[in-house]
C-alpha atoms as a PDB file:
ATOM      1  CA  MET A   1      90.731   1.771-107.100  1.00  0.00           C
ATOM      2  CA  SER A   2      88.094   0.511-104.625  1.00  0.00           C
ATOM      3  CA  ARG A   3      90.511   1.301-101.782  1.00  0.00           C
ATOM      4  CA  PHE A   4      90.679   4.923-103.014  1.00  0.00           C
ATOM      5  CA  ILE A   5      86.872   5.141-103.170  1.00  0.00           C
ATOM      6  CA  SER A   6      86.528   3.657 -99.663  1.00  0.00           C
ATOM      7  CA  GLY A   7      89.024   6.200 -98.315  1.00  0.00           C
ATOM      8  CA  ALA A   8      87.166   9.046-100.010  1.00  0.00           C
ATOM      9  CA  VAL A   9      83.817   7.870 -98.566  1.00  0.00           C
ATOM     10  CA  VAL A  10      85.330   7.714 -95.063  1.00  0.00           C
ATOM     11  CA  LEU A  11      86.845  11.193 -95.487  1.00  0.00           C
ATOM     12  CA  VAL A  12      83.530  12.694 -96.668  1.00  0.00           C
ATOM     13  CA  ALA A  13      81.680  11.027 -93.762  1.00  0.00           C
ATOM     14  CA  LEU A  14      84.260  12.357 -91.283  1.00  0.00           C
ATOM     15  CA  ILE A  15      83.956  15.912 -92.639  1.00  0.00           C
ATOM     16  CA  ALA A  16      80.142  15.701 -92.445  1.00  0.00           C
ATOM     17  CA  VAL A  17      80.251  14.573 -88.814  1.00  0.00           C
ATOM     18  CA  MET A  18      82.737  17.307 -87.889  1.00  0.00           C
ATOM     19  CA  SER A  19      80.732  20.059 -89.575  1.00  0.00           C
ATOM     20  CA  VAL A  20      77.525  19.012 -87.781  1.00  0.00           C
ATOM     21  CA  GLY A  21      79.381  19.163 -84.478  1.00  0.00           C
ATOM     22  CA  CYS A  22      80.731  22.635 -85.240  1.00  0.00           C
ATOM     23  CA  THR A  23      77.476  24.218 -86.355  1.00  0.00           C
ATOM     24  CA  GLY A  24      75.157  22.798 -83.702  1.00  0.00           C
ATOM     25  CA  GLN A  25      74.319  24.920 -80.641  1.00  0.00           C
ATOM     26  CA  SER A  26      75.913  23.575 -77.504  1.00  0.00           C
ATOM     27  CA  GLY A  27      73.935  23.512 -74.294  1.00  0.00           C
ATOM     28  CA  PRO A  28      70.184  23.632 -73.760  1.00  0.00           C
ATOM     29  CA  LYS A  29      67.935  25.193 -76.422  1.00  0.00           C
ATOM     30  CA  THR A  30      66.951  28.798 -75.784  1.00  0.00           C
ATOM     31  CA  VAL A  31      63.780  30.628 -76.823  1.00  0.00           C
ATOM     32  CA  PRO A  32      63.448  34.371 -77.520  1.00  0.00           C
ATOM     33  CA  VAL A  33      62.788  36.512 -74.445  1.00  0.00           C
ATOM     34  CA  LYS A  34      62.270  40.267 -74.440  1.00  0.00           C
ATOM     35  CA  GLY A  35      60.262  42.565 -72.268  1.00  0.00           C
ATOM     36  CA  THR A  36      59.797  45.750 -70.325  1.00  0.00           C
ATOM     37  CA  LEU A  37      60.857  46.667 -66.809  1.00  0.00           C
ATOM     38  CA  THR A  38      59.244  49.473 -64.876  1.00  0.00           C
ATOM     39  CA  ILE A  39      60.038  50.708 -61.389  1.00  0.00           C
ATOM     40  CA  ASP A  40      57.033  52.326 -59.738  1.00  0.00           C
ATOM     41  CA  GLY A  41      55.399  52.560 -63.169  1.00  0.00           C
ATOM     42  CA  ALA A  42      58.298  54.428 -64.839  1.00  0.00           C
ATOM     43  CA  PRO A  43      60.536  52.761 -67.461  1.00  0.00           C
ATOM     44  CA  ALA A  44      63.750  51.530 -65.842  1.00  0.00           C
ATOM     45  CA  ASP A  45      67.095  52.654 -67.251  1.00  0.00           C
ATOM     46  CA  GLY A  46      70.682  51.899 -66.312  1.00  0.00           C
ATOM     47  CA  VAL A  47      69.732  48.523 -64.867  1.00  0.00           C
ATOM     48  CA  THR A  48      70.816  45.004 -65.744  1.00  0.00           C
ATOM     49  CA  ILE A  49      68.126  42.348 -65.417  1.00  0.00           C
ATOM     50  CA  SER A  50      68.996  38.703 -64.838  1.00  0.00           C
ATOM     51  CA  LEU A  51      66.799  35.659 -64.580  1.00  0.00           C
ATOM     52  CA  ALA A  52      68.248  33.253 -62.009  1.00  0.00           C
ATOM     53  CA  PRO A  53      67.071  29.707 -62.763  1.00  0.00           C
ATOM     54  CA  GLN A  54      65.166  27.798 -60.120  1.00  0.00           C
ATOM     55  CA  GLU A  55      66.431  24.638 -61.856  1.00  0.00           C
ATOM     56  CA  SER A  56      70.194  24.598 -61.378  1.00  0.00           C
ATOM     57  CA  SER A  57      70.906  23.040 -64.787  1.00  0.00           C
ATOM     58  CA  ASN A  58      69.611  26.081 -66.704  1.00  0.00           C
ATOM     59  CA  PRO A  59      71.999  28.970 -67.409  1.00  0.00           C
ATOM     60  CA  VAL A  60      71.347  32.499 -66.155  1.00  0.00           C
ATOM     61  CA  ALA A  61      69.765  34.808 -68.744  1.00  0.00           C
ATOM     62  CA  SER A  62      70.489  38.533 -68.608  1.00  0.00           C
ATOM     63  CA  GLY A  63      70.292  41.786 -70.500  1.00  0.00           C
ATOM     64  CA  VAL A  64      70.642  45.544 -70.121  1.00  0.00           C
ATOM     65  CA  VAL A  65      67.480  47.595 -69.679  1.00  0.00           C
ATOM     66  CA  ASN A  66      67.370  50.662 -71.922  1.00  0.00           C
ATOM     67  CA  LYS A  67      64.393  53.013 -71.635  1.00  0.00           C
ATOM     68  CA  GLY A  68      62.422  50.228 -69.998  1.00  0.00           C
ATOM     69  CA  GLU A  69      63.097  47.594 -72.688  1.00  0.00           C
ATOM     70  CA  PHE A  70      65.388  44.568 -72.643  1.00  0.00           C
ATOM     71  CA  GLU A  71      66.314  41.425 -74.547  1.00  0.00           C
ATOM     72  CA  LEU A  72      67.890  38.443 -72.795  1.00  0.00           C
ATOM     73  CA  TYR A  73      70.967  36.353 -73.604  1.00  0.00           C
ATOM     74  CA  SER A  74      72.025  33.114 -71.869  1.00  0.00           C
ATOM     75  CA  GLY A  75      75.189  31.335 -70.823  1.00  0.00           C
ATOM     76  CA  THR A  76      78.823  32.048 -71.495  1.00  0.00           C
ATOM     77  CA  GLN A  77      78.295  31.939 -75.271  1.00  0.00           C
ATOM     78  CA  GLY A  78      75.587  34.616 -75.146  1.00  0.00           C
ATOM     79  CA  ALA A  79      72.878  32.555 -76.828  1.00  0.00           C
ATOM     80  CA  LYS A  80      69.898  34.763 -77.626  1.00  0.00           C
ATOM     81  CA  GLY A  81      66.996  34.116 -75.241  1.00  0.00           C
ATOM     82  CA  ALA A  82      66.517  31.848 -72.233  1.00  0.00           C
ATOM     83  CA  VAL A  83      65.953  28.168 -71.581  1.00  0.00           C
ATOM     84  CA  PRO A  84      62.295  27.407 -70.736  1.00  0.00           C
ATOM     85  CA  GLY A  85      61.724  27.157 -66.988  1.00  0.00           C
ATOM     86  CA  LYS A  86      61.015  29.112 -63.800  1.00  0.00           C
ATOM     87  CA  TYR A  87      63.260  32.006 -62.773  1.00  0.00           C
ATOM     88  CA  LYS A  88      63.718  34.658 -60.076  1.00  0.00           C
ATOM     89  CA  VAL A  89      64.173  38.238 -61.293  1.00  0.00           C
ATOM     90  CA  VAL A  90      67.452  39.797 -60.108  1.00  0.00           C
ATOM     91  CA  LEU A  91      68.482  43.401 -60.794  1.00  0.00           C
ATOM     92  CA  ALA A  92      71.821  45.211 -60.723  1.00  0.00           C
ATOM     93  CA  ALA A  93      72.838  48.790 -61.367  1.00  0.00           C
ATOM     94  CA  ALA A  94      74.448  48.997 -64.818  1.00  0.00           C
ATOM     95  CA  GLY A  95      78.216  49.633 -65.064  1.00  0.00           C
ATOM     96  CA  ILE A  96      79.645  53.022 -64.229  1.00  0.00           C
ATOM     97  CA  GLY A  97      81.682  53.349 -67.413  1.00  0.00           C
ATOM     98  CA  SER A  98      84.859  55.407 -67.546  1.00  0.00           C
ATOM     99  CA  LYS A  99      87.221  56.233 -64.674  1.00  0.00           C
ATOM    100  CA  GLU A 100      86.129  59.903 -64.891  1.00  0.00           C
ATOM    101  CA  GLU A 101      82.482  58.920 -64.441  1.00  0.00           C
ATOM    102  CA  ALA A 102      83.435  56.808 -61.430  1.00  0.00           C
ATOM    103  CA  MET A 103      85.346  59.734 -59.904  1.00  0.00           C
ATOM    104  CA  LYS A 104      82.293  62.004 -60.282  1.00  0.00           C
ATOM    105  CA  LYS A 105      79.933  59.366 -58.910  1.00  0.00           C
ATOM    106  CA  TYR A 106      82.027  58.638 -55.839  1.00  0.00           C
ATOM    107  CA  ALA A 107      82.653  62.054 -54.301  1.00  0.00           C
ATOM    108  CA  GLY A 108      85.985  62.311 -52.548  1.00  0.00           C
ATOM    109  CA  GLY A 109      87.414  59.234 -54.257  1.00  0.00           C
ATOM    110  CA  GLY A 110      90.736  59.651 -56.040  1.00  0.00           C
ATOM    111  CA  PRO A 111      93.377  62.364 -56.426  1.00  0.00           C
ATOM    112  CA  GLY A 112      92.832  65.381 -54.186  1.00  0.00           C
ATOM    113  CA  GLY A 113      89.781  63.820 -52.554  1.00  0.00           C
ATOM    114  CA  LYS A 114      89.366  63.565 -48.803  1.00  0.00           C
ATOM    115  CA  SER A 115      88.689  59.840 -48.844  1.00  0.00           C
ATOM    116  CA  SER A 116      89.631  57.022 -51.164  1.00  0.00           C
ATOM    117  CA  ALA A 117      86.636  54.936 -50.010  1.00  0.00           C
ATOM    118  CA  PRO A 118      83.683  55.283 -52.394  1.00  0.00           C
ATOM    119  CA  LYS A 119      80.337  56.435 -51.073  1.00  0.00           C
ATOM    120  CA  GLU A 120      77.545  54.014 -51.856  1.00  0.00           C
ATOM    121  CA  ALA A 121      75.151  55.292 -54.456  1.00  0.00           C
ATOM    122  CA  PRO A 122      71.506  54.429 -53.818  1.00  0.00           C
ATOM    123  CA  LEU A 123      70.142  51.610 -55.930  1.00  0.00           C
ATOM    124  CA  PRO A 124      67.397  52.596 -58.386  1.00  0.00           C
ATOM    125  CA  PHE A 125      65.330  49.637 -57.124  1.00  0.00           C
ATOM    126  CA  PRO A 126      64.608  47.961 -53.742  1.00  0.00           C
ATOM    127  CA  GLU A 127      67.674  46.093 -52.435  1.00  0.00           C
ATOM    128  CA  LYS A 128      65.785  42.783 -52.133  1.00  0.00           C
ATOM    129  CA  TYR A 129      65.926  42.480 -55.957  1.00  0.00           C
ATOM    130  CA  ALA A 130      69.755  42.455 -55.913  1.00  0.00           C
ATOM    131  CA  SER A 131      69.826  38.741 -54.989  1.00  0.00           C
ATOM    132  CA  SER A 132      67.949  35.635 -56.080  1.00  0.00           C
ATOM    133  CA  ALA A 133      67.819  34.610 -52.409  1.00  0.00           C
ATOM    134  CA  THR A 134      65.702  37.663 -51.480  1.00  0.00           C
ATOM    135  CA  SER A 135      63.866  38.498 -54.723  1.00  0.00           C
ATOM    136  CA  ASP A 136      60.149  37.735 -54.606  1.00  0.00           C
ATOM    137  CA  LYS A 137      59.564  38.382 -58.321  1.00  0.00           C
ATOM    138  CA  GLU A 138      59.244  35.163 -60.349  1.00  0.00           C
ATOM    139  CA  VAL A 139      58.670  34.557 -64.057  1.00  0.00           C
ATOM    140  CA  GLU A 140      58.183  31.471 -66.193  1.00  0.00           C
ATOM    141  CA  ILE A 141      59.572  31.085 -69.704  1.00  0.00           C
ATOM    142  CA  THR A 142      57.602  28.690 -71.913  1.00  0.00           C
ATOM    143  CA  ALA A 143      58.774  26.783 -74.995  1.00  0.00           C
ATOM    144  CA  ASP A 144      57.188  29.552 -77.127  1.00  0.00           C
ATOM    145  CA  GLY A 145      59.393  32.268 -75.593  1.00  0.00           C
ATOM    146  CA  ALA A 146      58.173  35.267 -73.655  1.00  0.00           C
ATOM    147  CA  ASP A 147      57.355  38.957 -73.821  1.00  0.00           C
ATOM    148  CA  LEU A 148      57.725  39.838 -70.144  1.00  0.00           C
ATOM    149  CA  LYS A 149      56.153  42.831 -68.429  1.00  0.00           C
ATOM    150  CA  ILE A 150      57.832  43.263 -65.046  1.00  0.00           C
ATOM    151  CA  ASP A 151      56.896  46.047 -62.612  1.00  0.00           C
ATOM    152  CA  ILE A 152      58.884  46.614 -59.442  1.00  0.00           C
ATOM    153  CA  THR A 153      57.475  48.767 -56.663  1.00  0.00           C
ATOM    154  CA  LYS A 154      59.633  50.554 -54.109  1.00  0.00           C
END
């Protein structure tokens, strides 16, 4: 009988350890980060914002800007927020969407067009913000989270 009880105690302990491992968040702890992005004072739209960590151990945090507002998510698991630290602001034009939208955007590309090479569309922000190596906009996320107000000038 005591052997049965010992086995049951070990089984319960094993299940408890496994469930803690499954429910815990992997990776560094994130804090909520939201904000607004304006370009020359107007709310940005159709832009993806990313925070590139200045400390290589932190994951990148990114989000889509909609009518000037964004919320950030980090890492491959999409954890809500960002890890506290210092970051460079990096911008990208949001996805084109469907094949039809791409065909309209890139004149002459595709069936019946004169050229299959797409024409480059102008970025809605200065090109220096397309890379963490050239971006001069920096932000710091504290342990309390952040409500960022970022203005980019052309």
